[in-house]
């Protein structure tokens, strides 16, 4: 049943098992990293969409506004944007 090569065969099987486990763990970690980056991007999309909508509204207001105080209003909008950027956690 057991021959002279039995220890070599057992060693080869152990090395193969270690290689399979290491490969599986690598694939698992890679997929987990991809999933978390995809989840982060999908949760970030609505916020970016709302930011874009706000920008379009501001541009529409600037394009349709014919007041003399346009430069002053632009500065107020810039200050609001800066306050929002400071308030958002990084």
Protein backbone atom coordinates (compact mmCIF):
# COMPACT_ATOMS: atom_id res chain seq x y z
CA UNK A 1 0.00 0.00 0.00
CA UNK A 2 2.69 2.48 0.94
CA UNK A 3 5.82 2.52 -1.13
CA UNK A 4 9.10 4.34 -1.03
CA UNK A 5 7.61 7.38 -2.82
CA UNK A 6 4.71 7.90 -0.40
CA UNK A 7 6.32 10.85 1.47
CA UNK A 8 7.03 12.58 -1.86
CA UNK A 9 3.43 12.12 -3.02
CA UNK A 10 2.09 13.47 0.28
CA UNK A 11 4.41 16.49 0.02
CA UNK A 12 3.25 17.14 -3.55
CA UNK A 13 -0.41 16.94 -2.49
CA UNK A 14 0.22 19.35 0.39
CA UNK A 15 1.93 21.85 -1.92
CA UNK A 16 -0.95 21.59 -4.39
CA UNK A 17 -3.47 22.17 -1.59
CA UNK A 18 -1.55 25.23 -0.38
CA UNK A 19 -1.43 26.60 -3.94
CA UNK A 20 -5.18 26.10 -4.41
CA UNK A 21 -5.99 27.79 -1.08
CA UNK A 22 -3.64 30.71 -1.82
CA UNK A 23 -5.12 31.15 -5.29
CA UNK A 24 -8.66 31.03 -3.96
CA UNK A 25 -7.84 33.57 -1.26
CA UNK A 26 -6.28 35.87 -3.84
CA UNK A 27 -9.35 35.70 -6.07
CA UNK A 28 -11.63 36.28 -3.07
CA UNK A 29 -9.68 39.37 -1.98
CA UNK A 30 -9.62 40.75 -5.52
CA UNK A 31 -13.37 40.32 -5.92
CA UNK A 32 -13.99 41.87 -2.51
CA UNK A 33 -11.91 44.91 -3.45
CA UNK A 34 -13.77 45.30 -6.74
CA UNK A 35 -17.13 44.97 -5.01
CA UNK A 36 -16.33 47.65 -2.43
CA UNK A 37 -15.06 50.08 -5.07
CA UNK A 38 -18.18 49.46 -7.16
CA UNK A 39 -20.42 49.97 -4.14
CA UNK A 40 -18.65 53.21 -3.29
CA UNK A 41 -19.07 54.47 -6.85
CA UNK A 42 -22.76 53.58 -6.94
CA UNK A 43 -23.48 55.34 -3.63
CA UNK A 44 -21.48 58.36 -4.78
CA UNK A 45 -23.42 58.73 -8.06
CA UNK A 46 -26.61 60.31 -6.61
CA UNK A 47 -24.57 62.92 -4.76
CA UNK A 48 -22.65 63.81 -7.92
CA UNK A 49 -25.92 63.98 -9.84
CA UNK A 50 -27.38 66.42 -7.32
CA UNK A 51 -24.21 68.52 -7.45
CA UNK A 52 -24.47 68.62 -11.22
CA UNK A 53 -28.13 69.66 -11.04
CA UNK A 54 -27.24 72.48 -8.65
CA UNK A 55 -24.53 73.68 -11.01
CA UNK A 56 -26.92 73.65 -13.97
CA UNK A 57 -29.47 75.64 -11.97
CA UNK A 58 -26.82 78.21 -11.09
CA UNK A 59 -25.73 78.47 -14.72
CA UNK A 60 -29.35 78.88 -15.84
CA UNK A 61 -29.86 81.59 -13.27
CA UNK A 62 -26.69 83.38 -14.40
CA UNK A 63 -27.62 83.07 -18.09
CA UNK A 64 -31.14 84.41 -17.60
CA UNK A 65 -30.34 87.08 -15.00
CA UNK A 66 -29.85 90.54 -16.45
CA UNK A 67 -29.19 92.39 -13.22
CA UNK A 68 -26.32 94.76 -12.64
CA UNK A 69 -25.26 92.85 -9.52
CA UNK A 70 -24.34 89.70 -11.43
CA UNK A 71 -20.70 89.71 -10.30
CA UNK A 72 -21.79 90.09 -6.68
CA UNK A 73 -24.21 87.18 -6.99
CA UNK A 74 -21.48 85.01 -8.51
CA UNK A 75 -19.24 85.76 -5.53
CA UNK A 76 -22.06 84.81 -3.14
CA UNK A 77 -22.50 81.51 -4.99
CA UNK A 78 -18.76 80.84 -4.81
CA UNK A 79 -18.79 81.47 -1.07
CA UNK A 80 -21.73 79.06 -0.68
CA UNK A 81 -19.82 76.42 -2.65
CA UNK A 82 -16.73 76.91 -0.52
CA UNK A 83 -18.80 76.54 2.66
CA UNK A 84 -20.34 73.32 1.32
CA UNK A 85 -16.92 71.95 0.45
CA UNK A 86 -15.63 72.75 3.93
CA UNK A 87 -18.70 71.16 5.54
CA UNK A 88 -18.49 67.87 3.63
CA UNK A 89 -16.37 65.21 5.34
CA UNK A 90 -13.39 63.99 3.35
